[in-house]
């Protein structure tokens, strides 16, 4: 049976949840998956994106490309 290997993106994603090995007062601290999900949700909200990372209609209109919202629905 062939061993499943992680791609680079998956490896980097998993590193988020490992304790820091060093740094200014960060050694041993780590980010939980819940904290990571909350950080992503906060970032998306700040950017004007929905929960999947797609710009909201309001954000598109703010950028004067509101017509794109109809295209995204399809």
PDB file of N, CA and C in Angstrom:
ATOM      1  N   UNK A   1       0.839  -1.172   0.000  1.00  0.00           N
ATOM      2  CA  UNK A   1       0.000   0.000   0.000  1.00  0.00           C
ATOM      3  C   UNK A   1       0.893   1.249   0.000  1.00  0.00           C
ATOM      4  N   UNK A   2       0.563   2.201  -0.869  1.00  0.00           N
ATOM      5  CA  UNK A   2       1.347   3.427  -0.988  1.00  0.00           C
ATOM      6  C   UNK A   2       1.049   4.368   0.185  1.00  0.00           C
ATOM      7  N   UNK A   3       2.105   4.925   0.756  1.00  0.00           N
ATOM      8  CA  UNK A   3       1.950   5.859   1.877  1.00  0.00           C
ATOM      9  C   UNK A   3       1.472   7.217   1.357  1.00  0.00           C
ATOM     10  N   UNK A   4       0.466   7.765   2.008  1.00  0.00           N
ATOM     11  CA  UNK A   4      -0.063   9.079   1.650  1.00  0.00           C
ATOM     12  C   UNK A   4       0.881  10.152   2.191  1.00  0.00           C
ATOM     13  N   UNK A   5       1.297  11.067   1.332  1.00  0.00           N
ATOM     14  CA  UNK A   5       2.179  12.139   1.766  1.00  0.00           C
ATOM     15  C   UNK A   5       1.461  13.472   1.693  1.00  0.00           C
ATOM     16  N   UNK A   6       1.801  14.372   2.597  1.00  0.00           N
ATOM     17  CA  UNK A   6       1.210  15.696   2.620  1.00  0.00           C
ATOM     18  C   UNK A   6       1.876  16.598   1.595  1.00  0.00           C
ATOM     19  N   UNK A   7       1.092  17.463   0.937  1.00  0.00           N
ATOM     20  CA  UNK A   7       1.696  18.450   0.054  1.00  0.00           C
ATOM     21  C   UNK A   7       2.189  19.625   0.897  1.00  0.00           C
ATOM     22  N   UNK A   8       2.880  20.554   0.282  1.00  0.00           N
ATOM     23  CA  UNK A   8       3.476  21.677   1.026  1.00  0.00           C
ATOM     24  C   UNK A   8       2.433  22.503   1.768  1.00  0.00           C
ATOM     25  N   UNK A   9       1.278  22.763   1.132  1.00  0.00           N
ATOM     26  CA  UNK A   9       0.233  23.553   1.795  1.00  0.00           C
ATOM     27  C   UNK A   9      -0.266  22.850   3.046  1.00  0.00           C
ATOM     28  N   UNK A  10      -0.464  21.545   2.954  1.00  0.00           N
ATOM     29  CA  UNK A  10      -0.947  20.801   4.109  1.00  0.00           C
ATOM     30  C   UNK A  10       0.088  20.798   5.234  1.00  0.00           C
ATOM     31  N   UNK A  11       1.358  20.679   4.886  1.00  0.00           N
ATOM     32  CA  UNK A  11       2.411  20.703   5.897  1.00  0.00           C
ATOM     33  C   UNK A  11       2.450  22.044   6.617  1.00  0.00           C
ATOM     34  N   UNK A  12       2.357  23.129   5.844  1.00  0.00           N
ATOM     35  CA  UNK A  12       2.398  24.465   6.443  1.00  0.00           C
ATOM     36  C   UNK A  12       1.170  24.697   7.312  1.00  0.00           C
ATOM     37  N   UNK A  13       0.006  24.215   6.886  1.00  0.00           N
ATOM     38  CA  UNK A  13      -1.212  24.338   7.681  1.00  0.00           C
ATOM     39  C   UNK A  13      -1.028  23.655   9.031  1.00  0.00           C
ATOM     40  N   UNK A  14      -0.473  22.466   9.033  1.00  0.00           N
ATOM     41  CA  UNK A  14      -0.287  21.731  10.290  1.00  0.00           C
ATOM     42  C   UNK A  14       0.702  22.416  11.219  1.00  0.00           C
ATOM     43  N   UNK A  15       1.650  23.162  10.664  1.00  0.00           N
ATOM     44  CA  UNK A  15       2.629  23.873  11.492  1.00  0.00           C
ATOM     45  C   UNK A  15       1.979  24.943  12.359  1.00  0.00           C
ATOM     46  N   UNK A  16       0.836  25.477  11.933  1.00  0.00           N
ATOM     47  CA  UNK A  16       0.148  26.493  12.722  1.00  0.00           C
ATOM     48  C   UNK A  16      -0.195  25.987  14.122  1.00  0.00           C
ATOM     49  N   UNK A  17      -0.379  24.688  14.262  1.00  0.00           N
ATOM     50  CA  UNK A  17      -0.868  24.129  15.515  1.00  0.00           C
ATOM     51  C   UNK A  17       0.220  23.468  16.354  1.00  0.00           C
ATOM     52  N   UNK A  18       1.464  23.624  15.938  1.00  0.00           N
ATOM     53  CA  UNK A  18       2.598  23.103  16.692  1.00  0.00           C
ATOM     54  C   UNK A  18       3.159  24.206  17.592  1.00  0.00           C
ATOM     55  N   UNK A  19       3.655  23.870  18.765  1.00  0.00           N
ATOM     56  CA  UNK A  19       4.242  24.900  19.637  1.00  0.00           C
ATOM     57  C   UNK A  19       5.442  25.580  18.969  1.00  0.00           C
ATOM     58  N   UNK A  20       5.569  26.882  19.193  1.00  0.00           N
ATOM     59  CA  UNK A  20       6.723  27.612  18.677  1.00  0.00           C
ATOM     60  C   UNK A  20       7.993  27.070  19.318  1.00  0.00           C
ATOM     61  N   UNK A  21       9.053  26.993  18.521  1.00  0.00           N
ATOM     62  CA  UNK A  21      10.328  26.486  19.031  1.00  0.00           C
ATOM     63  C   UNK A  21      11.194  27.596  19.606  1.00  0.00           C
ATOM     64  N   UNK A  22      10.856  28.819  19.319  1.00  0.00           N
ATOM     65  CA  UNK A  22      11.650  29.938  19.819  1.00  0.00           C
ATOM     66  C   UNK A  22      10.944  31.245  19.525  1.00  0.00           C
ATOM     67  N   UNK A  23      11.638  32.324  19.734  1.00  0.00           N
ATOM     68  CA  UNK A  23      11.045  33.630  19.494  1.00  0.00           C
ATOM     69  C   UNK A  23      10.919  34.410  20.783  1.00  0.00           C
ATOM     70  N   UNK A  24      10.603  35.656  20.626  1.00  0.00           N
ATOM     71  CA  UNK A  24      10.513  36.569  21.768  1.00  0.00           C
ATOM     72  C   UNK A  24       9.340  36.202  22.671  1.00  0.00           C
ATOM     73  N   UNK A  25       9.577  35.341  23.632  1.00  0.00           N
ATOM     74  CA  UNK A  25       8.556  34.960  24.593  1.00  0.00           C
ATOM     75  C   UNK A  25       7.483  34.026  24.065  1.00  0.00           C
ATOM     76  N   UNK A  26       7.695  33.444  22.873  1.00  0.00           N
ATOM     77  CA  UNK A  26       6.680  32.576  22.272  1.00  0.00           C
ATOM     78  C   UNK A  26       6.979  31.089  22.402  1.00  0.00           C
ATOM     79  N   UNK A  27       8.164  30.736  22.858  1.00  0.00           N
ATOM     80  CA  UNK A  27       8.548  29.332  22.912  1.00  0.00           C
ATOM     81  C   UNK A  27       7.515  28.519  23.691  1.00  0.00           C
ATOM     82  N   UNK A  28       7.039  27.463  23.048  1.00  0.00           N
ATOM     83  CA  UNK A  28       6.079  26.571  23.679  1.00  0.00           C
ATOM     84  C   UNK A  28       4.619  26.948  23.475  1.00  0.00           C
ATOM     85  N   UNK A  29       4.343  28.180  23.029  1.00  0.00           N
ATOM     86  CA  UNK A  29       2.948  28.556  22.789  1.00  0.00           C
ATOM     87  C   UNK A  29       2.505  28.031  21.431  1.00  0.00           C
ATOM     88  N   UNK A  30       1.207  27.810  21.298  1.00  0.00           N
ATOM     89  CA  UNK A  30       0.683  27.339  20.011  1.00  0.00           C
ATOM     90  C   UNK A  30      -0.713  27.899  19.802  1.00  0.00           C
ATOM     91  N   UNK A  31      -1.168  27.846  18.575  1.00  0.00           N
ATOM     92  CA  UNK A  31      -2.473  28.327  18.175  1.00  0.00           C
ATOM     93  C   UNK A  31      -3.413  27.134  18.079  1.00  0.00           C
ATOM     94  N   UNK A  32      -4.574  27.218  18.713  1.00  0.00           N
ATOM     95  CA  UNK A  32      -5.539  26.116  18.615  1.00  0.00           C
ATOM     96  C   UNK A  32      -6.304  26.230  17.303  1.00  0.00           C
ATOM     97  N   UNK A  33      -6.895  25.126  16.864  1.00  0.00           N
ATOM     98  CA  UNK A  33      -7.674  25.148  15.627  1.00  0.00           C
ATOM     99  C   UNK A  33      -8.862  26.091  15.756  1.00  0.00           C
ATOM    100  N   UNK A  34      -9.474  26.177  16.935  1.00  0.00           N
ATOM    101  CA  UNK A  34     -10.592  27.098  17.142  1.00  0.00           C
ATOM    102  C   UNK A  34     -10.132  28.552  17.031  1.00  0.00           C
ATOM    103  N   UNK A  35      -8.974  28.861  17.601  1.00  0.00           N
ATOM    104  CA  UNK A  35      -8.425  30.222  17.492  1.00  0.00           C
ATOM    105  C   UNK A  35      -8.116  30.562  16.038  1.00  0.00           C
ATOM    106  N   UNK A  36      -7.591  29.590  15.300  1.00  0.00           N
ATOM    107  CA  UNK A  36      -7.273  29.789  13.890  1.00  0.00           C
ATOM    108  C   UNK A  36      -8.551  30.053  13.091  1.00  0.00           C
ATOM    109  N   UNK A  37      -9.588  29.257  13.319  1.00  0.00           N
ATOM    110  CA  UNK A  37     -10.858  29.449  12.613  1.00  0.00           C
ATOM    111  C   UNK A  37     -11.454  30.812  12.926  1.00  0.00           C
ATOM    112  N   UNK A  38     -11.366  31.235  14.188  1.00  0.00           N
ATOM    113  CA  UNK A  38     -11.888  32.544  14.567  1.00  0.00           C
ATOM    114  C   UNK A  38     -11.085  33.664  13.911  1.00  0.00           C
ATOM    115  N   UNK A  39      -9.776  33.500  13.830  1.00  0.00           N
ATOM    116  CA  UNK A  39      -8.929  34.506  13.177  1.00  0.00           C
ATOM    117  C   UNK A  39      -9.287  34.627  11.697  1.00  0.00           C
ATOM    118  N   UNK A  40      -9.520  33.504  11.039  1.00  0.00           N
ATOM    119  CA  UNK A  40      -9.910  33.515   9.619  1.00  0.00           C
ATOM    120  C   UNK A  40     -11.261  34.213   9.463  1.00  0.00           C
ATOM    121  N   UNK A  41     -12.229  33.879  10.323  1.00  0.00           N
ATOM    122  CA  UNK A  41     -13.555  34.497  10.248  1.00  0.00           C
ATOM    123  C   UNK A  41     -13.472  36.010  10.449  1.00  0.00           C
ATOM    124  N   UNK A  42     -12.654  36.445  11.409  1.00  0.00           N
ATOM    125  CA  UNK A  42     -12.470  37.875  11.664  1.00  0.00           C
ATOM    126  C   UNK A  42     -11.835  38.558  10.464  1.00  0.00           C
ATOM    127  N   UNK A  43     -10.816  37.933   9.884  1.00  0.00           N
ATOM    128  CA  UNK A  43     -10.141  38.490   8.708  1.00  0.00           C
ATOM    129  C   UNK A  43     -11.120  38.633   7.543  1.00  0.00           C
ATOM    130  N   UNK A  44     -11.893  37.582   7.269  1.00  0.00           N
ATOM    131  CA  UNK A  44     -12.874  37.634   6.181  1.00  0.00           C
ATOM    132  C   UNK A  44     -13.856  38.777   6.401  1.00  0.00           C
ATOM    133  N   UNK A  45     -14.331  38.924   7.633  1.00  0.00           N
ATOM    134  CA  UNK A  45     -15.276  39.991   7.944  1.00  0.00           C
ATOM    135  C   UNK A  45     -14.638  41.363   7.717  1.00  0.00           C
ATOM    136  N   UNK A  46     -13.397  41.535   8.154  1.00  0.00           N
ATOM    137  CA  UNK A  46     -12.694  42.801   7.968  1.00  0.00           C
ATOM    138  C   UNK A  46     -12.494  43.133   6.487  1.00  0.00           C
ATOM    139  N   UNK A  47     -12.307  42.111   5.669  1.00  0.00           N
ATOM    140  CA  UNK A  47     -12.090  42.306   4.241  1.00  0.00           C
ATOM    141  C   UNK A  47     -13.391  42.545   3.468  1.00  0.00           C
ATOM    142  N   UNK A  48     -14.536  42.249   4.122  1.00  0.00           N
ATOM    143  CA  UNK A  48     -15.812  42.379   3.433  1.00  0.00           C
ATOM    144  C   UNK A  48     -16.136  41.134   2.624  1.00  0.00           C
ATOM    145  N   UNK A  49     -15.683  39.996   3.116  1.00  0.00           N
ATOM    146  CA  UNK A  49     -15.922  38.717   2.434  1.00  0.00           C
ATOM    147  C   UNK A  49     -16.926  37.909   3.231  1.00  0.00           C
ATOM    148  N   UNK A  50     -17.568  36.934   2.554  1.00  0.00           N
ATOM    149  CA  UNK A  50     -18.468  36.042   3.280  1.00  0.00           C
ATOM    150  C   UNK A  50     -17.660  34.947   3.964  1.00  0.00           C
ATOM    151  N   UNK A  51     -18.348  33.995   4.604  1.00  0.00           N
ATOM    152  CA  UNK A  51     -17.650  32.958   5.380  1.00  0.00           C
ATOM    153  C   UNK A  51     -16.825  31.999   4.533  1.00  0.00           C
ATOM    154  N   UNK A  52     -16.998  32.059   3.200  1.00  0.00           N
ATOM    155  CA  UNK A  52     -16.190  31.199   2.321  1.00  0.00           C
ATOM    156  C   UNK A  52     -15.037  31.961   1.671  1.00  0.00           C
ATOM    157  N   UNK A  53     -14.905  33.247   1.982  1.00  0.00           N
ATOM    158  CA  UNK A  53     -13.815  34.037   1.426  1.00  0.00           C
ATOM    159  C   UNK A  53     -14.153  34.736   0.119  1.00  0.00           C
ATOM    160  N   UNK A  54     -15.442  34.796  -0.219  1.00  0.00           N
ATOM    161  CA  UNK A  54     -15.892  35.473  -1.438  1.00  0.00           C
ATOM    162  C   UNK A  54     -16.347  36.885  -1.062  1.00  0.00           C
ATOM    163  N   UNK A  55     -15.940  37.893  -1.834  1.00  0.00           N
ATOM    164  CA  UNK A  55     -16.364  39.259  -1.515  1.00  0.00           C
ATOM    165  C   UNK A  55     -17.892  39.384  -1.492  1.00  0.00           C
ATOM    166  N   UNK A  56     -18.393  40.136  -0.506  1.00  0.00           N
ATOM    167  CA  UNK A  56     -19.843  40.369  -0.428  1.00  0.00           C
ATOM    168  C   UNK A  56     -20.265  41.359  -1.507  1.00  0.00           C
ATOM    169  N   UNK A  57     -21.572  41.399  -1.771  1.00  0.00           N
ATOM    170  CA  UNK A  57     -22.095  42.349  -2.753  1.00  0.00           C
ATOM    171  C   UNK A  57     -21.754  43.773  -2.328  1.00  0.00           C
ATOM    172  N   UNK A  58     -21.887  44.057  -1.027  1.00  0.00           N
ATOM    173  CA  UNK A  58     -21.573  45.397  -0.521  1.00  0.00           C
ATOM    174  C   UNK A  58     -20.109  45.761  -0.790  1.00  0.00           C
ATOM    175  N   UNK A  59     -19.203  44.814  -0.589  1.00  0.00           N
ATOM    176  CA  UNK A  59     -17.777  45.080  -0.828  1.00  0.00           C
ATOM    177  C   UNK A  59     -17.522  45.329  -2.304  1.00  0.00           C
ATOM    178  N   UNK A  60     -18.151  44.528  -3.159  1.00  0.00           N
ATOM    179  CA  UNK A  60     -17.982  44.708  -4.605  1.00  0.00           C
ATOM    180  C   UNK A  60     -18.509  46.069  -5.046  1.00  0.00           C
ATOM    181  N   UNK A  61     -19.643  46.477  -4.479  1.00  0.00           N
ATOM    182  CA  UNK A  61     -20.185  47.795  -4.809  1.00  0.00           C
ATOM    183  C   UNK A  61     -19.273  48.909  -4.313  1.00  0.00           C
ATOM    184  N   UNK A  62     -18.681  48.726  -3.144  1.00  0.00           N
ATOM    185  CA  UNK A  62     -17.718  49.702  -2.608  1.00  0.00           C
ATOM    186  C   UNK A  62     -16.537  49.875  -3.560  1.00  0.00           C
ATOM    187  N   UNK A  63     -16.168  48.789  -4.215  1.00  0.00           N
ATOM    188  CA  UNK A  63     -15.037  48.811  -5.155  1.00  0.00           C
ATOM    189  C   UNK A  63     -15.458  49.169  -6.577  1.00  0.00           C
ATOM    190  N   UNK A  64     -16.726  49.570  -6.731  1.00  0.00           N
ATOM    191  CA  UNK A  64     -17.296  49.929  -8.045  1.00  0.00           C
ATOM    192  C   UNK A  64     -17.272  48.787  -9.054  1.00  0.00           C
ATOM    193  N   UNK A  65     -17.423  47.587  -8.555  1.00  0.00           N
ATOM    194  CA  UNK A  65     -17.551  46.418  -9.435  1.00  0.00           C
ATOM    195  C   UNK A  65     -18.746  45.556  -8.992  1.00  0.00           C
ATOM    196  N   UNK A  66     -19.822  46.229  -8.606  1.00  0.00           N
ATOM    197  CA  UNK A  66     -21.003  45.540  -8.128  1.00  0.00           C
ATOM    198  C   UNK A  66     -21.590  44.564  -9.132  1.00  0.00           C
ATOM    199  N   UNK A  67     -21.355  44.825 -10.419  1.00  0.00           N
ATOM    200  CA  UNK A  67     -21.865  43.934 -11.468  1.00  0.00           C
ATOM    201  C   UNK A  67     -21.303  42.520 -11.337  1.00  0.00           C
ATOM    202  N   UNK A  68     -20.175  42.376 -10.695  1.00  0.00           N
ATOM    203  CA  UNK A  68     -19.553  41.059 -10.525  1.00  0.00           C
ATOM    204  C   UNK A  68     -20.406  40.171  -9.613  1.00  0.00           C
ATOM    205  N   UNK A  69     -21.156  40.770  -8.698  1.00  0.00           N
ATOM    206  CA  UNK A  69     -21.976  39.993  -7.759  1.00  0.00           C
ATOM    207  C   UNK A  69     -22.939  39.067  -8.496  1.00  0.00           C
ATOM    208  N   UNK A  70     -23.518  39.550  -9.567  1.00  0.00           N
ATOM    209  CA  UNK A  70     -24.441  38.704 -10.350  1.00  0.00           C
ATOM    210  C   UNK A  70     -23.700  37.532 -10.990  1.00  0.00           C
ATOM    211  N   UNK A  71     -22.496  37.777 -11.445  1.00  0.00           N
ATOM    212  CA  UNK A  71     -21.688  36.709 -12.063  1.00  0.00           C
ATOM    213  C   UNK A  71     -21.295  35.646 -11.033  1.00  0.00           C
ATOM    214  N   UNK A  72     -21.034  36.068  -9.785  1.00  0.00           N
ATOM    215  CA  UNK A  72     -20.642  35.141  -8.738  1.00  0.00           C
ATOM    216  C   UNK A  72     -21.784  34.222  -8.300  1.00  0.00           C
ATOM    217  N   UNK A  73     -23.023  34.660  -8.491  1.00  0.00           N
ATOM    218  CA  UNK A  73     -24.179  33.851  -8.110  1.00  0.00           C
ATOM    219  C   UNK A  73     -24.308  32.603  -8.982  1.00  0.00           C
ATOM    220  N   UNK A  74     -23.787  32.670 -10.202  1.00  0.00           N
ATOM    221  CA  UNK A  74     -23.955  31.572 -11.150  1.00  0.00           C
ATOM    222  C   UNK A  74     -23.038  30.443 -10.941  1.00  0.00           C
TER     223      UNK A  74
END
